[in-house]
Amino acid sequence: MASKKAGEATEFSTVSETTATRTVVVSHPNGLCMRGASAICQFADVFEAKIDLIKDGQRASATEALEILLLAAECGSQVMLEATGPDAEEAVEALAKLFADNFGLKV
């Protein structure tokens, strides 16, 4: 194993990850309920990106239904979607559509 001499450059590999954010509004009359949280978890599992929901400074993993419920996001609440990873933009876009569609639930 060769040792480095003083002043010799060291190679570093950097992996830049994409971060995407988007603010959405909870429009379902029941707010962000268990069925909505479950739908979010199912969508989030499809993506490689780490996805969080943020409301009033409180952060919840998009793969954890209980954390999502603890955000207590009522109808009209603003929630920020934040994804970091190779498919972050796609993940945020898909979840934003899910919110717009009231989580696929009847209204």
C-alpha atoms as a PDB file:
ATOM      1  CA  MET A   1       0.000   0.000   0.000  1.00  0.00           C
ATOM      2  CA  ALA A   2       1.589   3.279  -1.112  1.00  0.00           C
ATOM      3  CA  SER A   3       1.597   6.182   1.309  1.00  0.00           C
ATOM      4  CA  LYS A   4       0.812   9.757   0.305  1.00  0.00           C
ATOM      5  CA  LYS A   5       3.590  12.329   0.273  1.00  0.00           C
ATOM      6  CA  ALA A   6       3.065  15.786   1.737  1.00  0.00           C
ATOM      7  CA  GLY A   7       1.279  18.074  -0.696  1.00  0.00           C
ATOM      8  CA  GLU A   8       0.037  15.189  -2.866  1.00  0.00           C
ATOM      9  CA  ALA A   9      -3.569  15.576  -3.988  1.00  0.00           C
ATOM     10  CA  THR A  10      -6.187  13.252  -2.607  1.00  0.00           C
ATOM     11  CA  GLU A  11      -9.056  12.224  -4.841  1.00  0.00           C
ATOM     12  CA  PHE A  12     -12.565  12.612  -3.503  1.00  0.00           C
ATOM     13  CA  SER A  13     -15.709  11.437  -5.147  1.00  0.00           C
ATOM     14  CA  THR A  14     -18.694  13.609  -4.502  1.00  0.00           C
ATOM     15  CA  VAL A  15     -22.222  12.486  -5.019  1.00  0.00           C
ATOM     16  CA  SER A  16     -24.526  15.401  -5.541  1.00  0.00           C
ATOM     17  CA  GLU A  17     -28.071  14.683  -4.620  1.00  0.00           C
ATOM     18  CA  THR A  18     -30.991  16.549  -6.027  1.00  0.00           C
ATOM     19  CA  THR A  19     -33.390  18.184  -3.587  1.00  0.00           C
ATOM     20  CA  ALA A  20     -36.847  19.252  -4.653  1.00  0.00           C
ATOM     21  CA  THR A  21     -39.482  21.064  -2.613  1.00  0.00           C
ATOM     22  CA  ARG A  22     -43.053  22.071  -3.193  1.00  0.00           C
ATOM     23  CA  THR A  23     -45.761  23.505  -0.965  1.00  0.00           C
ATOM     24  CA  VAL A  24     -49.193  21.916  -1.229  1.00  0.00           C
ATOM     25  CA  VAL A  25     -52.521  22.583   0.466  1.00  0.00           C
ATOM     26  CA  VAL A  26     -54.549  19.858   2.148  1.00  0.00           C
ATOM     27  CA  SER A  27     -57.928  20.135   0.435  1.00  0.00           C
ATOM     28  CA  HIS A  28     -59.706  17.021   1.684  1.00  0.00           C
ATOM     29  CA  PRO A  29     -62.510  17.999   4.117  1.00  0.00           C
ATOM     30  CA  ASN A  30     -61.182  15.521   6.717  1.00  0.00           C
ATOM     31  CA  GLY A  31     -57.652  16.882   6.408  1.00  0.00           C
ATOM     32  CA  LEU A  32     -54.719  14.532   6.291  1.00  0.00           C
ATOM     33  CA  CYS A  33     -56.466  11.433   7.664  1.00  0.00           C
ATOM     34  CA  MET A  34     -55.262   7.840   8.042  1.00  0.00           C
ATOM     35  CA  ARG A  35     -56.330   6.863   4.530  1.00  0.00           C
ATOM     36  CA  GLY A  36     -54.512   9.863   3.095  1.00  0.00           C
ATOM     37  CA  ALA A  37     -51.409   9.073   5.149  1.00  0.00           C
ATOM     38  CA  SER A  38     -51.535   5.474   3.926  1.00  0.00           C
ATOM     39  CA  ALA A  39     -51.778   6.643   0.300  1.00  0.00           C
ATOM     40  CA  ILE A  40     -48.764   8.919   0.812  1.00  0.00           C
ATOM     41  CA  CYS A  41     -46.751   6.026   2.260  1.00  0.00           C
ATOM     42  CA  GLN A  42     -47.602   3.796  -0.702  1.00  0.00           C
ATOM     43  CA  PHE A  43     -46.528   6.512  -3.162  1.00  0.00           C
ATOM     44  CA  ALA A  44     -43.333   7.284  -1.234  1.00  0.00           C
ATOM     45  CA  ASP A  45     -42.216   3.636  -1.247  1.00  0.00           C
ATOM     46  CA  VAL A  46     -42.007   3.705  -5.046  1.00  0.00           C
ATOM     47  CA  PHE A  47     -39.233   6.318  -5.087  1.00  0.00           C
ATOM     48  CA  GLU A  48     -35.570   6.095  -4.139  1.00  0.00           C
ATOM     49  CA  ALA A  49     -35.613   9.644  -2.803  1.00  0.00           C
ATOM     50  CA  LYS A  50     -36.003  10.343   0.909  1.00  0.00           C
ATOM     51  CA  ILE A  51     -39.263  12.262   1.184  1.00  0.00           C
ATOM     52  CA  ASP A  52     -40.420  14.375   4.115  1.00  0.00           C
ATOM     53  CA  LEU A  53     -43.558  16.383   4.799  1.00  0.00           C
ATOM     54  CA  ILE A  54     -43.085  19.575   6.793  1.00  0.00           C
ATOM     55  CA  LYS A  55     -45.826  21.544   8.534  1.00  0.00           C
ATOM     56  CA  ASP A  56     -45.217  24.396  10.955  1.00  0.00           C
ATOM     57  CA  GLY A  57     -41.584  23.315  11.373  1.00  0.00           C
ATOM     58  CA  GLN A  58     -42.523  19.719  12.234  1.00  0.00           C
ATOM     59  CA  ARG A  59     -41.049  17.091   9.905  1.00  0.00           C
ATOM     60  CA  ALA A  60     -42.508  13.661   9.083  1.00  0.00           C
ATOM     61  CA  SER A  61     -41.141  10.896   6.897  1.00  0.00           C
ATOM     62  CA  ALA A  62     -43.430  10.163   3.959  1.00  0.00           C
ATOM     63  CA  THR A  63     -42.996   6.451   4.664  1.00  0.00           C
ATOM     64  CA  GLU A  64     -44.306   6.652   8.251  1.00  0.00           C
ATOM     65  CA  ALA A  65     -48.105   6.988   8.518  1.00  0.00           C
ATOM     66  CA  LEU A  66     -48.068   7.785  12.246  1.00  0.00           C
ATOM     67  CA  GLU A  67     -45.555  10.602  11.755  1.00  0.00           C
ATOM     68  CA  ILE A  68     -47.737  11.999   8.971  1.00  0.00           C
ATOM     69  CA  LEU A  69     -50.836  11.886  11.192  1.00  0.00           C
ATOM     70  CA  LEU A  70     -48.972  13.679  13.989  1.00  0.00           C
ATOM     71  CA  LEU A  71     -48.597  16.689  11.689  1.00  0.00           C
ATOM     72  CA  ALA A  72     -52.316  17.277  12.389  1.00  0.00           C
ATOM     73  CA  ALA A  73     -52.805  18.829   8.958  1.00  0.00           C
ATOM     74  CA  GLU A  74     -56.410  19.970   8.726  1.00  0.00           C
ATOM     75  CA  CYS A  75     -58.207  21.026   5.563  1.00  0.00           C
ATOM     76  CA  GLY A  76     -56.564  24.229   4.342  1.00  0.00           C
ATOM     77  CA  SER A  77     -53.187  23.478   5.957  1.00  0.00           C
ATOM     78  CA  GLN A  78     -50.041  24.130   3.962  1.00  0.00           C
ATOM     79  CA  VAL A  79     -47.552  21.269   3.853  1.00  0.00           C
ATOM     80  CA  MET A  80     -44.115  21.399   2.278  1.00  0.00           C
ATOM     81  CA  LEU A  81     -42.961  18.314   0.410  1.00  0.00           C
ATOM     82  CA  GLU A  82     -39.191  17.857   0.432  1.00  0.00           C
ATOM     83  CA  ALA A  83     -37.425  15.051  -1.419  1.00  0.00           C
ATOM     84  CA  THR A  84     -33.719  14.324  -1.685  1.00  0.00           C
ATOM     85  CA  GLY A  85     -32.326  11.741  -4.064  1.00  0.00           C
ATOM     86  CA  PRO A  86     -32.010  10.767  -7.708  1.00  0.00           C
ATOM     87  CA  ASP A  87     -35.757  10.953  -8.399  1.00  0.00           C
ATOM     88  CA  ALA A  88     -36.592  13.815  -6.040  1.00  0.00           C
ATOM     89  CA  GLU A  89     -38.371  15.965  -8.615  1.00  0.00           C
ATOM     90  CA  GLU A  90     -40.543  13.087  -9.794  1.00  0.00           C
ATOM     91  CA  ALA A  91     -41.399  12.170  -6.203  1.00  0.00           C
ATOM     92  CA  VAL A  92     -42.468  15.703  -5.300  1.00  0.00           C
ATOM     93  CA  GLU A  93     -44.530  16.008  -8.482  1.00  0.00           C
ATOM     94  CA  ALA A  94     -46.309  12.687  -7.869  1.00  0.00           C
ATOM     95  CA  LEU A  95     -47.099  13.535  -4.245  1.00  0.00           C
ATOM     96  CA  ALA A  96     -48.328  17.004  -5.196  1.00  0.00           C
ATOM     97  CA  LYS A  97     -50.765  15.375  -7.637  1.00  0.00           C
ATOM     98  CA  LEU A  98     -51.873  12.986  -4.893  1.00  0.00           C
ATOM     99  CA  PHE A  99     -52.639  15.948  -2.609  1.00  0.00           C
ATOM    100  CA  ALA A 100     -54.510  17.708  -5.434  1.00  0.00           C
ATOM    101  CA  ASP A 101     -56.543  14.543  -5.988  1.00  0.00           C
ATOM    102  CA  ASN A 102     -57.498  14.382  -2.269  1.00  0.00           C
ATOM    103  CA  PHE A 103     -55.352  11.257  -1.836  1.00  0.00           C
ATOM    104  CA  GLY A 104     -57.642   9.350  -4.192  1.00  0.00           C
ATOM    105  CA  LEU A 105     -60.470   9.546  -1.636  1.00  0.00           C
ATOM    106  CA  LYS A 106     -64.071  10.487  -2.324  1.00  0.00           C
ATOM    107  CA  VAL A 107     -65.068  13.935  -1.124  1.00  0.00           C
END
